[in-house]
């Protein structure tokens, strides 16, 4: 880890929002901010008839001077460096994502041909990253991660909204949990841990649960949905107990829900400053994957999404 927050900047509104978020994150961490613009010598985008003149200029020119200047003016105490790197954006960003302490990218989500092109680079980068990557939507502002004050306006610089962690108890990952706890601690924010599960078929509920490892086997399934819910809640509490001890300053809210994880996390993102999810690193000849939950959140989350790769 190099202790630097890196942001990809190409002149688009998405990358401007990402760079601004990255600047605030670098200040929280007390580390420098590195801005990187990757461009090809002969960009393929210039050949594309559906890409406008402004977009062509953004991809063929260097980092817009006004964007860097504005960041330095808004964050005078932050060390900022800017690099113009020749190479395919997808490959350059994937290289950075394998070594940077944190990489921040802009995301348009779904819709629009240009949005798909920019989004494809971000999605490919997340899929190949071995270090945490954060995607930020266009329009993300400094006050968006904070709770609203009594007058309805955002109260800055504090308090922050919750940091939301999506946790799979089948495959709990220390790196993922630590990232979320540290993010909450930096923001003096509450950590809201969301765990979702599926109820077994009702016809299998025939006996009381026996003591054993999580999850219960078919023969040990609980007779009611309420009993199964209590089992999940106890398992979540047990998984978080050592982390609560390591981060006593972080308030933790535990939440178990029946159904798909993406649905619960997308709902929670509406009141979050950051959503943290994991991505299992798959070394397969069939290629790399983001995972269904992370993929859904990158498109639909109302808050920035941090994807933490893990084995």
C-alpha atoms as a PDB file:
ATOM      1  CA  UNK A   1       0.000   0.000   0.000  1.00  0.00           C
ATOM      2  CA  UNK A   2       1.279   3.451  -0.878  1.00  0.00           C
ATOM      3  CA  UNK A   3      -0.926   5.454   1.486  1.00  0.00           C
ATOM      4  CA  UNK A   4      -2.225   7.624  -1.364  1.00  0.00           C
ATOM      5  CA  UNK A   5      -5.811   8.064  -2.543  1.00  0.00           C
ATOM      6  CA  UNK A   6      -5.919   7.948  -6.348  1.00  0.00           C
ATOM      7  CA  UNK A   7      -8.716   9.280  -8.560  1.00  0.00           C
ATOM      8  CA  UNK A   8      -9.233   8.862 -12.285  1.00  0.00           C
ATOM      9  CA  UNK A   9      -9.981  12.220 -13.912  1.00  0.00           C
ATOM     10  CA  UNK A  10     -11.060  12.709 -17.535  1.00  0.00           C
ATOM     11  CA  UNK A  11     -13.011  15.980 -17.482  1.00  0.00           C
ATOM     12  CA  UNK A  12     -16.442  14.358 -17.242  1.00  0.00           C
ATOM     13  CA  UNK A  13     -18.934  15.297 -14.478  1.00  0.00           C
ATOM     14  CA  UNK A  14     -18.586  11.754 -13.111  1.00  0.00           C
ATOM     15  CA  UNK A  15     -14.822  11.974 -12.716  1.00  0.00           C
ATOM     16  CA  UNK A  16     -15.103  15.487 -11.237  1.00  0.00           C
ATOM     17  CA  UNK A  17     -17.429  14.124  -8.549  1.00  0.00           C
ATOM     18  CA  UNK A  18     -15.033  11.229  -7.958  1.00  0.00           C
ATOM     19  CA  UNK A  19     -12.049  13.561  -7.625  1.00  0.00           C
ATOM     20  CA  UNK A  20     -13.912  15.762  -5.134  1.00  0.00           C
ATOM     21  CA  UNK A  21     -14.936  12.732  -3.060  1.00  0.00           C
ATOM     22  CA  UNK A  22     -11.360  11.412  -3.231  1.00  0.00           C
ATOM     23  CA  UNK A  23     -10.027  14.759  -1.995  1.00  0.00           C
ATOM     24  CA  UNK A  24     -12.292  14.649   1.053  1.00  0.00           C
ATOM     25  CA  UNK A  25     -11.340  11.020   1.689  1.00  0.00           C
ATOM     26  CA  UNK A  26      -7.628  11.876   1.461  1.00  0.00           C
ATOM     27  CA  UNK A  27      -8.135  14.601   4.045  1.00  0.00           C
ATOM     28  CA  UNK A  28      -9.917  12.146   6.350  1.00  0.00           C
ATOM     29  CA  UNK A  29      -7.016   9.726   5.979  1.00  0.00           C
ATOM     30  CA  UNK A  30      -4.322  12.398   6.194  1.00  0.00           C
ATOM     31  CA  UNK A  31      -2.681  11.284   2.921  1.00  0.00           C
ATOM     32  CA  UNK A  32      -1.989  12.926  -0.485  1.00  0.00           C
ATOM     33  CA  UNK A  33      -4.348  12.830  -3.454  1.00  0.00           C
ATOM     34  CA  UNK A  34      -3.139  11.601  -6.827  1.00  0.00           C
ATOM     35  CA  UNK A  35      -5.091  12.471  -9.972  1.00  0.00           C
ATOM     36  CA  UNK A  36      -4.494  10.303 -13.035  1.00  0.00           C
ATOM     37  CA  UNK A  37      -5.670  10.916 -16.579  1.00  0.00           C
ATOM     38  CA  UNK A  38      -5.127   8.027 -18.997  1.00  0.00           C
ATOM     39  CA  UNK A  39      -5.326   8.623 -22.724  1.00  0.00           C
ATOM     40  CA  UNK A  40      -4.420   6.766 -25.861  1.00  0.00           C
ATOM     41  CA  UNK A  41      -2.081   8.150 -28.505  1.00  0.00           C
ATOM     42  CA  UNK A  42      -4.772   7.579 -31.111  1.00  0.00           C
ATOM     43  CA  UNK A  43      -7.999   7.324 -29.099  1.00  0.00           C
ATOM     44  CA  UNK A  44     -10.602   5.000 -30.549  1.00  0.00           C
ATOM     45  CA  UNK A  45     -13.273   7.307 -29.176  1.00  0.00           C
ATOM     46  CA  UNK A  46     -12.290   9.976 -31.724  1.00  0.00           C
ATOM     47  CA  UNK A  47     -13.401   7.594 -34.468  1.00  0.00           C
ATOM     48  CA  UNK A  48     -16.798   7.020 -32.885  1.00  0.00           C
ATOM     49  CA  UNK A  49     -19.532   9.074 -34.617  1.00  0.00           C
ATOM     50  CA  UNK A  50     -21.732   9.192 -31.502  1.00  0.00           C
ATOM     51  CA  UNK A  51     -19.115  10.875 -29.282  1.00  0.00           C
ATOM     52  CA  UNK A  52     -19.278  14.681 -29.289  1.00  0.00           C
ATOM     53  CA  UNK A  53     -16.434  17.165 -29.739  1.00  0.00           C
ATOM     54  CA  UNK A  54     -16.343  17.974 -26.029  1.00  0.00           C
ATOM     55  CA  UNK A  55     -16.011  14.298 -25.078  1.00  0.00           C
ATOM     56  CA  UNK A  56     -13.287  13.808 -27.692  1.00  0.00           C
ATOM     57  CA  UNK A  57     -11.342  16.721 -26.234  1.00  0.00           C
ATOM     58  CA  UNK A  58     -11.684  15.326 -22.724  1.00  0.00           C
ATOM     59  CA  UNK A  59     -10.202  11.986 -23.745  1.00  0.00           C
ATOM     60  CA  UNK A  60      -7.456  13.282 -26.085  1.00  0.00           C
ATOM     61  CA  UNK A  61      -6.259  16.196 -23.950  1.00  0.00           C
ATOM     62  CA  UNK A  62      -4.614  16.154 -20.547  1.00  0.00           C
ATOM     63  CA  UNK A  63      -6.190  16.698 -17.165  1.00  0.00           C
ATOM     64  CA  UNK A  64      -8.217  19.940 -17.328  1.00  0.00           C
ATOM     65  CA  UNK A  65      -6.148  22.601 -15.545  1.00  0.00           C
ATOM     66  CA  UNK A  66      -9.236  24.283 -14.152  1.00  0.00           C
ATOM     67  CA  UNK A  67     -10.357  21.065 -12.444  1.00  0.00           C
ATOM     68  CA  UNK A  68      -7.025  20.630 -10.658  1.00  0.00           C
ATOM     69  CA  UNK A  69      -6.885  24.311  -9.742  1.00  0.00           C
ATOM     70  CA  UNK A  70     -10.403  24.202  -8.301  1.00  0.00           C
ATOM     71  CA  UNK A  71      -9.558  21.169  -6.169  1.00  0.00           C
ATOM     72  CA  UNK A  72      -6.480  22.895  -4.788  1.00  0.00           C
ATOM     73  CA  UNK A  73      -8.486  26.013  -3.990  1.00  0.00           C
ATOM     74  CA  UNK A  74     -11.212  24.040  -2.190  1.00  0.00           C
ATOM     75  CA  UNK A  75      -8.691  21.935  -0.264  1.00  0.00           C
ATOM     76  CA  UNK A  76      -5.655  24.161   0.358  1.00  0.00           C
ATOM     77  CA  UNK A  77      -4.217  21.855   3.015  1.00  0.00           C
ATOM     78  CA  UNK A  78      -4.228  18.798   0.763  1.00  0.00           C
ATOM     79  CA  UNK A  79      -1.191  17.674  -1.222  1.00  0.00           C
ATOM     80  CA  UNK A  80      -2.379  17.036  -4.792  1.00  0.00           C
ATOM     81  CA  UNK A  81      -0.374  15.634  -7.691  1.00  0.00           C
ATOM     82  CA  UNK A  82      -1.630  15.202 -11.250  1.00  0.00           C
ATOM     83  CA  UNK A  83      -0.359  12.802 -13.913  1.00  0.00           C
ATOM     84  CA  UNK A  84      -1.139  12.458 -17.603  1.00  0.00           C
ATOM     85  CA  UNK A  85      -0.471   8.833 -18.554  1.00  0.00           C
ATOM     86  CA  UNK A  86      -0.411   7.497 -22.117  1.00  0.00           C
ATOM     87  CA  UNK A  87      -2.198   4.183 -22.454  1.00  0.00           C
ATOM     88  CA  UNK A  88      -5.618   2.620 -22.738  1.00  0.00           C
ATOM     89  CA  UNK A  89      -7.725   3.926 -19.814  1.00  0.00           C
ATOM     90  CA  UNK A  90      -8.967   0.434 -19.000  1.00  0.00           C
ATOM     91  CA  UNK A  91      -5.428  -0.970 -18.731  1.00  0.00           C
ATOM     92  CA  UNK A  92      -3.958   2.018 -16.898  1.00  0.00           C
ATOM     93  CA  UNK A  93      -6.713   2.042 -14.282  1.00  0.00           C
ATOM     94  CA  UNK A  94      -6.556  -1.729 -13.833  1.00  0.00           C
ATOM     95  CA  UNK A  95      -2.822  -1.415 -13.152  1.00  0.00           C
ATOM     96  CA  UNK A  96      -3.457   1.280 -10.550  1.00  0.00           C
ATOM     97  CA  UNK A  97      -6.250  -0.778  -8.983  1.00  0.00           C
ATOM     98  CA  UNK A  98      -3.796  -3.591  -8.283  1.00  0.00           C
ATOM     99  CA  UNK A  99      -1.495  -1.416  -6.169  1.00  0.00           C
ATOM    100  CA  UNK A 100      -3.196   1.780  -4.981  1.00  0.00           C
ATOM    101  CA  UNK A 101      -4.341   1.999  -1.379  1.00  0.00           C
ATOM    102  CA  UNK A 102      -7.681   3.304  -2.677  1.00  0.00           C
ATOM    103  CA  UNK A 103      -8.837   4.061  -6.224  1.00  0.00           C
ATOM    104  CA  UNK A 104     -11.846   6.350  -6.796  1.00  0.00           C
ATOM    105  CA  UNK A 105     -13.728   6.432 -10.101  1.00  0.00           C
ATOM    106  CA  UNK A 106     -16.800   8.150 -11.473  1.00  0.00           C
ATOM    107  CA  UNK A 107     -19.865   6.180 -12.511  1.00  0.00           C
ATOM    108  CA  UNK A 108     -22.861   7.146 -14.621  1.00  0.00           C
ATOM    109  CA  UNK A 109     -24.703   3.935 -13.915  1.00  0.00           C
ATOM    110  CA  UNK A 110     -27.082   2.713 -16.597  1.00  0.00           C
ATOM    111  CA  UNK A 111     -28.370   4.621 -19.597  1.00  0.00           C
ATOM    112  CA  UNK A 112     -26.861   6.342 -22.628  1.00  0.00           C
ATOM    113  CA  UNK A 113     -24.203   5.180 -25.062  1.00  0.00           C
ATOM    114  CA  UNK A 114     -21.505   7.463 -23.640  1.00  0.00           C
ATOM    115  CA  UNK A 115     -22.490   6.389 -20.144  1.00  0.00           C
ATOM    116  CA  UNK A 116     -22.023   2.764 -21.143  1.00  0.00           C
ATOM    117  CA  UNK A 117     -18.575   3.452 -22.553  1.00  0.00           C
ATOM    118  CA  UNK A 118     -17.362   5.264 -19.449  1.00  0.00           C
ATOM    119  CA  UNK A 119     -19.143   2.788 -17.198  1.00  0.00           C
ATOM    120  CA  UNK A 120     -17.534  -0.182 -18.944  1.00  0.00           C
ATOM    121  CA  UNK A 121     -14.083   1.088 -17.999  1.00  0.00           C
ATOM    122  CA  UNK A 122     -15.102   1.535 -14.361  1.00  0.00           C
ATOM    123  CA  UNK A 123     -16.771  -1.891 -14.180  1.00  0.00           C
ATOM    124  CA  UNK A 124     -13.775  -3.609 -15.778  1.00  0.00           C
ATOM    125  CA  UNK A 125     -11.462  -1.860 -13.325  1.00  0.00           C
ATOM    126  CA  UNK A 126     -13.515  -3.004 -10.338  1.00  0.00           C
ATOM    127  CA  UNK A 127     -13.591  -6.553 -11.710  1.00  0.00           C
ATOM    128  CA  UNK A 128      -9.775  -6.711 -11.930  1.00  0.00           C
ATOM    129  CA  UNK A 129      -8.913  -4.721  -8.803  1.00  0.00           C
ATOM    130  CA  UNK A 130      -7.050  -6.353  -5.945  1.00  0.00           C
ATOM    131  CA  UNK A 131      -7.337  -3.237  -3.770  1.00  0.00           C
ATOM    132  CA  UNK A 132     -10.480  -1.344  -2.658  1.00  0.00           C
ATOM    133  CA  UNK A 133     -12.191   0.749  -5.330  1.00  0.00           C
ATOM    134  CA  UNK A 134     -14.883   3.395  -4.771  1.00  0.00           C
ATOM    135  CA  UNK A 135     -17.368   4.459  -7.445  1.00  0.00           C
ATOM    136  CA  UNK A 136     -19.001   7.886  -7.147  1.00  0.00           C
ATOM    137  CA  UNK A 137     -21.939   9.171  -9.156  1.00  0.00           C
ATOM    138  CA  UNK A 138     -22.053  12.515 -10.954  1.00  0.00           C
ATOM    139  CA  UNK A 139     -23.634  15.205  -8.818  1.00  0.00           C
ATOM    140  CA  UNK A 140     -22.187  13.890  -5.555  1.00  0.00           C
ATOM    141  CA  UNK A 141     -21.554  16.988  -3.423  1.00  0.00           C
ATOM    142  CA  UNK A 142     -19.620  17.650  -0.232  1.00  0.00           C
ATOM    143  CA  UNK A 143     -22.764  17.734   1.899  1.00  0.00           C
ATOM    144  CA  UNK A 144     -24.360  14.598   0.477  1.00  0.00           C
ATOM    145  CA  UNK A 145     -22.645  12.318   2.955  1.00  0.00           C
ATOM    146  CA  UNK A 146     -23.881  14.284   5.969  1.00  0.00           C
ATOM    147  CA  UNK A 147     -27.132  14.207   7.872  1.00  0.00           C
ATOM    148  CA  UNK A 148     -29.564  17.074   7.307  1.00  0.00           C
ATOM    149  CA  UNK A 149     -29.829  19.756   9.958  1.00  0.00           C
ATOM    150  CA  UNK A 150     -33.053  20.922  11.650  1.00  0.00           C
ATOM    151  CA  UNK A 151     -33.803  23.262   8.749  1.00  0.00           C
ATOM    152  CA  UNK A 152     -33.627  20.420   6.259  1.00  0.00           C
ATOM    153  CA  UNK A 153     -30.263  21.444   4.852  1.00  0.00           C
ATOM    154  CA  UNK A 154     -27.133  19.320   5.089  1.00  0.00           C
ATOM    155  CA  UNK A 155     -25.183  19.973   8.245  1.00  0.00           C
ATOM    156  CA  UNK A 156     -21.472  20.062   7.360  1.00  0.00           C
ATOM    157  CA  UNK A 157     -18.871  19.058   8.265  1.00  0.00           C
ATOM    158  CA  UNK A 158     -20.604  16.756  10.762  1.00  0.00           C
ATOM    159  CA  UNK A 159     -22.298  14.482  11.485  1.00  0.00           C
ATOM    160  CA  UNK A 160     -21.863  11.978   8.720  1.00  0.00           C
ATOM    161  CA  UNK A 161     -24.579   9.619   7.610  1.00  0.00           C
ATOM    162  CA  UNK A 162     -24.144   5.917   8.329  1.00  0.00           C
ATOM    163  CA  UNK A 163     -21.489   3.791   6.710  1.00  0.00           C
ATOM    164  CA  UNK A 164     -23.363   0.699   5.490  1.00  0.00           C
ATOM    165  CA  UNK A 165     -21.641  -2.679   5.340  1.00  0.00           C
ATOM    166  CA  UNK A 166     -23.107  -5.615   3.460  1.00  0.00           C
ATOM    167  CA  UNK A 167     -21.942  -8.738   5.295  1.00  0.00           C
ATOM    168  CA  UNK A 168     -22.322 -12.347   4.162  1.00  0.00           C
ATOM    169  CA  UNK A 169     -22.021 -14.613   7.202  1.00  0.00           C
ATOM    170  CA  UNK A 170     -21.265 -17.583   4.960  1.00  0.00           C
ATOM    171  CA  UNK A 171     -18.019 -15.900   3.860  1.00  0.00           C
ATOM    172  CA  UNK A 172     -17.085 -13.187   6.370  1.00  0.00           C
ATOM    173  CA  UNK A 173     -13.898 -11.383   5.363  1.00  0.00           C
ATOM    174  CA  UNK A 174     -11.599  -9.560   7.782  1.00  0.00           C
ATOM    175  CA  UNK A 175     -10.380  -7.072   5.140  1.00  0.00           C
ATOM    176  CA  UNK A 176     -13.951  -6.105   4.263  1.00  0.00           C
ATOM    177  CA  UNK A 177     -15.073  -5.682   7.873  1.00  0.00           C
ATOM    178  CA  UNK A 178     -11.954  -3.724   8.816  1.00  0.00           C
ATOM    179  CA  UNK A 179     -12.401  -1.366   5.848  1.00  0.00           C
ATOM    180  CA  UNK A 180     -15.964  -0.589   6.959  1.00  0.00           C
ATOM    181  CA  UNK A 181     -15.064  -0.074  10.617  1.00  0.00           C
ATOM    182  CA  UNK A 182     -12.155   2.201   9.691  1.00  0.00           C
ATOM    183  CA  UNK A 183     -14.357   4.223   7.323  1.00  0.00           C
ATOM    184  CA  UNK A 184     -16.937   4.703  10.081  1.00  0.00           C
ATOM    185  CA  UNK A 185     -14.245   5.625  12.614  1.00  0.00           C
ATOM    186  CA  UNK A 186     -12.771   8.289  10.309  1.00  0.00           C
ATOM    187  CA  UNK A 187     -16.182   9.849   9.874  1.00  0.00           C
ATOM    188  CA  UNK A 188     -17.284   9.430  13.513  1.00  0.00           C
ATOM    189  CA  UNK A 189     -20.297   7.787  11.878  1.00  0.00           C
ATOM    190  CA  UNK A 190     -22.498   4.886  12.866  1.00  0.00           C
ATOM    191  CA  UNK A 191     -21.746   1.591  11.128  1.00  0.00           C
ATOM    192  CA  UNK A 192     -24.908  -0.102   9.917  1.00  0.00           C
ATOM    193  CA  UNK A 193     -24.220  -3.768   9.185  1.00  0.00           C
ATOM    194  CA  UNK A 194     -26.778  -5.361   6.879  1.00  0.00           C
ATOM    195  CA  UNK A 195     -27.012  -9.139   6.605  1.00  0.00           C
ATOM    196  CA  UNK A 196     -29.670 -10.800   4.473  1.00  0.00           C
ATOM    197  CA  UNK A 197     -30.659 -14.430   4.319  1.00  0.00           C
ATOM    198  CA  UNK A 198     -33.124 -16.768   2.651  1.00  0.00           C
ATOM    199  CA  UNK A 199     -35.681 -18.764   4.597  1.00  0.00           C
ATOM    200  CA  UNK A 200     -35.600 -22.505   3.928  1.00  0.00           C
ATOM    201  CA  UNK A 201     -38.630 -24.221   2.391  1.00  0.00           C
ATOM    202  CA  UNK A 202     -41.406 -24.396   4.995  1.00  0.00           C
ATOM    203  CA  UNK A 203     -41.766 -28.156   4.631  1.00  0.00           C
ATOM    204  CA  UNK A 204     -38.252 -28.671   6.014  1.00  0.00           C
ATOM    205  CA  UNK A 205     -39.035 -27.010   9.352  1.00  0.00           C
ATOM    206  CA  UNK A 206     -39.565 -29.973  11.590  1.00  0.00           C
ATOM    207  CA  UNK A 207     -37.253 -29.800  14.605  1.00  0.00           C
ATOM    208  CA  UNK A 208     -35.563 -27.386  16.963  1.00  0.00           C
ATOM    209  CA  UNK A 209     -32.102 -26.186  15.921  1.00  0.00           C
ATOM    210  CA  UNK A 210     -29.154 -28.165  17.227  1.00  0.00           C
ATOM    211  CA  UNK A 211     -25.924 -26.529  18.379  1.00  0.00           C
ATOM    212  CA  UNK A 212     -23.430 -26.377  15.550  1.00  0.00           C
ATOM    213  CA  UNK A 213     -21.608 -24.270  13.000  1.00  0.00           C
ATOM    214  CA  UNK A 214     -23.327 -21.617  10.931  1.00  0.00           C
ATOM    215  CA  UNK A 215     -25.544 -22.167   9.007  1.00  0.00           C
ATOM    216  CA  UNK A 216     -27.751 -24.922  10.427  1.00  0.00           C
ATOM    217  CA  UNK A 217     -28.077 -28.074   8.368  1.00  0.00           C
ATOM    218  CA  UNK A 218     -31.361 -29.176   6.838  1.00  0.00           C
ATOM    219  CA  UNK A 219     -31.947 -31.563   9.734  1.00  0.00           C
ATOM    220  CA  UNK A 220     -31.441 -28.752  12.238  1.00  0.00           C
ATOM    221  CA  UNK A 221     -33.679 -26.091  10.695  1.00  0.00           C
ATOM    222  CA  UNK A 222     -35.898 -24.069  12.984  1.00  0.00           C
ATOM    223  CA  UNK A 223     -39.662 -24.604  13.011  1.00  0.00           C
ATOM    224  CA  UNK A 224     -40.626 -20.941  12.546  1.00  0.00           C
ATOM    225  CA  UNK A 225     -39.402 -17.937  10.620  1.00  0.00           C
ATOM    226  CA  UNK A 226     -39.010 -16.028  13.897  1.00  0.00           C
ATOM    227  CA  UNK A 227     -36.720 -18.715  15.300  1.00  0.00           C
ATOM    228  CA  UNK A 228     -34.594 -18.686  12.177  1.00  0.00           C
ATOM    229  CA  UNK A 229     -34.402 -14.888  12.346  1.00  0.00           C
ATOM    230  CA  UNK A 230     -33.154 -15.032  15.919  1.00  0.00           C
ATOM    231  CA  UNK A 231     -30.501 -17.536  14.858  1.00  0.00           C
ATOM    232  CA  UNK A 232     -29.263 -15.155  12.134  1.00  0.00           C
ATOM    233  CA  UNK A 233     -29.235 -12.235  14.559  1.00  0.00           C
ATOM    234  CA  UNK A 234     -27.182 -14.176  17.085  1.00  0.00           C
ATOM    235  CA  UNK A 235     -24.740 -15.238  14.365  1.00  0.00           C
ATOM    236  CA  UNK A 236     -24.313 -11.642  13.210  1.00  0.00           C
ATOM    237  CA  UNK A 237     -23.721 -10.407  16.755  1.00  0.00           C
ATOM    238  CA  UNK A 238     -21.110 -13.112  17.314  1.00  0.00           C
ATOM    239  CA  UNK A 239     -19.294 -12.273  14.058  1.00  0.00           C
ATOM    240  CA  UNK A 240     -19.077  -8.570  14.966  1.00  0.00           C
ATOM    241  CA  UNK A 241     -18.131  -9.010  18.642  1.00  0.00           C
ATOM    242  CA  UNK A 242     -14.326  -8.932  18.159  1.00  0.00           C
ATOM    243  CA  UNK A 243     -14.595  -5.907  15.845  1.00  0.00           C
ATOM    244  CA  UNK A 244     -16.679  -4.000  18.358  1.00  0.00           C
ATOM    245  CA  UNK A 245     -13.872  -4.622  20.868  1.00  0.00           C
ATOM    246  CA  UNK A 246     -11.230  -3.363  18.403  1.00  0.00           C
ATOM    247  CA  UNK A 247     -13.261  -0.259  17.512  1.00  0.00           C
ATOM    248  CA  UNK A 248     -15.059   0.725  20.732  1.00  0.00           C
ATOM    249  CA  UNK A 249     -15.586   4.273  19.446  1.00  0.00           C
ATOM    250  CA  UNK A 250     -17.762   3.073  16.536  1.00  0.00           C
ATOM    251  CA  UNK A 251     -21.480   2.764  17.148  1.00  0.00           C
ATOM    252  CA  UNK A 252     -22.765  -0.367  15.419  1.00  0.00           C
ATOM    253  CA  UNK A 253     -26.319  -1.081  14.293  1.00  0.00           C
ATOM    254  CA  UNK A 254     -27.044  -4.663  13.257  1.00  0.00           C
ATOM    255  CA  UNK A 255     -29.759  -5.450  10.731  1.00  0.00           C
ATOM    256  CA  UNK A 256     -30.927  -8.853   9.487  1.00  0.00           C
ATOM    257  CA  UNK A 257     -33.472  -9.144   6.711  1.00  0.00           C
ATOM    258  CA  UNK A 258     -35.061 -11.848   4.603  1.00  0.00           C
ATOM    259  CA  UNK A 259     -34.479 -11.589   0.865  1.00  0.00           C
ATOM    260  CA  UNK A 260     -31.809 -10.453  -1.551  1.00  0.00           C
ATOM    261  CA  UNK A 261     -28.811  -8.511  -0.266  1.00  0.00           C
ATOM    262  CA  UNK A 262     -28.847  -6.032  -3.160  1.00  0.00           C
ATOM    263  CA  UNK A 263     -32.412  -4.967  -2.332  1.00  0.00           C
ATOM    264  CA  UNK A 264     -31.667  -4.333   1.347  1.00  0.00           C
ATOM    265  CA  UNK A 265     -28.390  -2.532   0.642  1.00  0.00           C
ATOM    266  CA  UNK A 266     -29.895  -0.344  -2.074  1.00  0.00           C
ATOM    267  CA  UNK A 267     -32.595   0.752   0.363  1.00  0.00           C
ATOM    268  CA  UNK A 268     -30.010   1.431   3.065  1.00  0.00           C
ATOM    269  CA  UNK A 269     -27.913   3.502   0.636  1.00  0.00           C
ATOM    270  CA  UNK A 270     -30.543   6.260   0.653  1.00  0.00           C
ATOM    271  CA  UNK A 271     -29.392   7.281   4.147  1.00  0.00           C
ATOM    272  CA  UNK A 272     -25.716   6.362   3.850  1.00  0.00           C
ATOM    273  CA  UNK A 273     -22.487   8.273   3.314  1.00  0.00           C
ATOM    274  CA  UNK A 274     -20.814   5.126   1.954  1.00  0.00           C
ATOM    275  CA  UNK A 275     -21.838   1.548   1.161  1.00  0.00           C
ATOM    276  CA  UNK A 276     -19.169  -1.131   1.559  1.00  0.00           C
ATOM    277  CA  UNK A 277     -19.432  -4.534  -0.119  1.00  0.00           C
ATOM    278  CA  UNK A 278     -17.015  -7.340  -0.878  1.00  0.00           C
ATOM    279  CA  UNK A 279     -15.997  -8.945  -4.131  1.00  0.00           C
ATOM    280  CA  UNK A 280     -14.531 -12.409  -4.093  1.00  0.00           C
ATOM    281  CA  UNK A 281     -11.399 -12.640  -6.247  1.00  0.00           C
ATOM    282  CA  UNK A 282     -12.022 -15.435  -8.726  1.00  0.00           C
ATOM    283  CA  UNK A 283      -9.082 -16.803 -10.653  1.00  0.00           C
ATOM    284  CA  UNK A 284     -10.890 -18.600 -13.433  1.00  0.00           C
ATOM    285  CA  UNK A 285     -10.275 -19.170 -17.151  1.00  0.00           C
ATOM    286  CA  UNK A 286     -13.798 -17.853 -17.683  1.00  0.00           C
ATOM    287  CA  UNK A 287     -12.683 -14.373 -16.609  1.00  0.00           C
ATOM    288  CA  UNK A 288     -13.272 -12.092 -13.663  1.00  0.00           C
ATOM    289  CA  UNK A 289     -16.611 -11.092 -12.176  1.00  0.00           C
ATOM    290  CA  UNK A 290     -17.871  -8.342  -9.904  1.00  0.00           C
ATOM    291  CA  UNK A 291     -20.642 -10.355  -8.296  1.00  0.00           C
ATOM    292  CA  UNK A 292     -24.386  -9.801  -8.499  1.00  0.00           C
ATOM    293  CA  UNK A 293     -24.703  -7.723  -5.315  1.00  0.00           C
ATOM    294  CA  UNK A 294     -21.813  -5.367  -6.080  1.00  0.00           C
ATOM    295  CA  UNK A 295     -22.948  -5.038  -9.706  1.00  0.00           C
ATOM    296  CA  UNK A 296     -26.473  -4.059  -8.675  1.00  0.00           C
ATOM    297  CA  UNK A 297     -25.227  -1.513  -6.153  1.00  0.00           C
ATOM    298  CA  UNK A 298     -22.846   0.141  -8.624  1.00  0.00           C
ATOM    299  CA  UNK A 299     -25.864   0.857 -10.793  1.00  0.00           C
ATOM    300  CA  UNK A 300     -28.510   1.664  -8.192  1.00  0.00           C
ATOM    301  CA  UNK A 301     -26.910   2.838  -4.940  1.00  0.00           C
ATOM    302  CA  UNK A 302     -27.757   6.382  -3.872  1.00  0.00           C
ATOM    303  CA  UNK A 303     -24.390   6.661  -2.085  1.00  0.00           C
ATOM    304  CA  UNK A 304     -20.788   6.027  -3.174  1.00  0.00           C
ATOM    305  CA  UNK A 305     -19.948   2.322  -3.193  1.00  0.00           C
ATOM    306  CA  UNK A 306     -16.658   0.847  -1.977  1.00  0.00           C
ATOM    307  CA  UNK A 307     -15.901  -2.614  -3.381  1.00  0.00           C
ATOM    308  CA  UNK A 308     -13.312  -4.520  -1.351  1.00  0.00           C
ATOM    309  CA  UNK A 309     -11.727  -7.537  -3.098  1.00  0.00           C
ATOM    310  CA  UNK A 310     -10.901 -10.574  -0.979  1.00  0.00           C
ATOM    311  CA  UNK A 311      -9.938 -14.220  -1.360  1.00  0.00           C
END
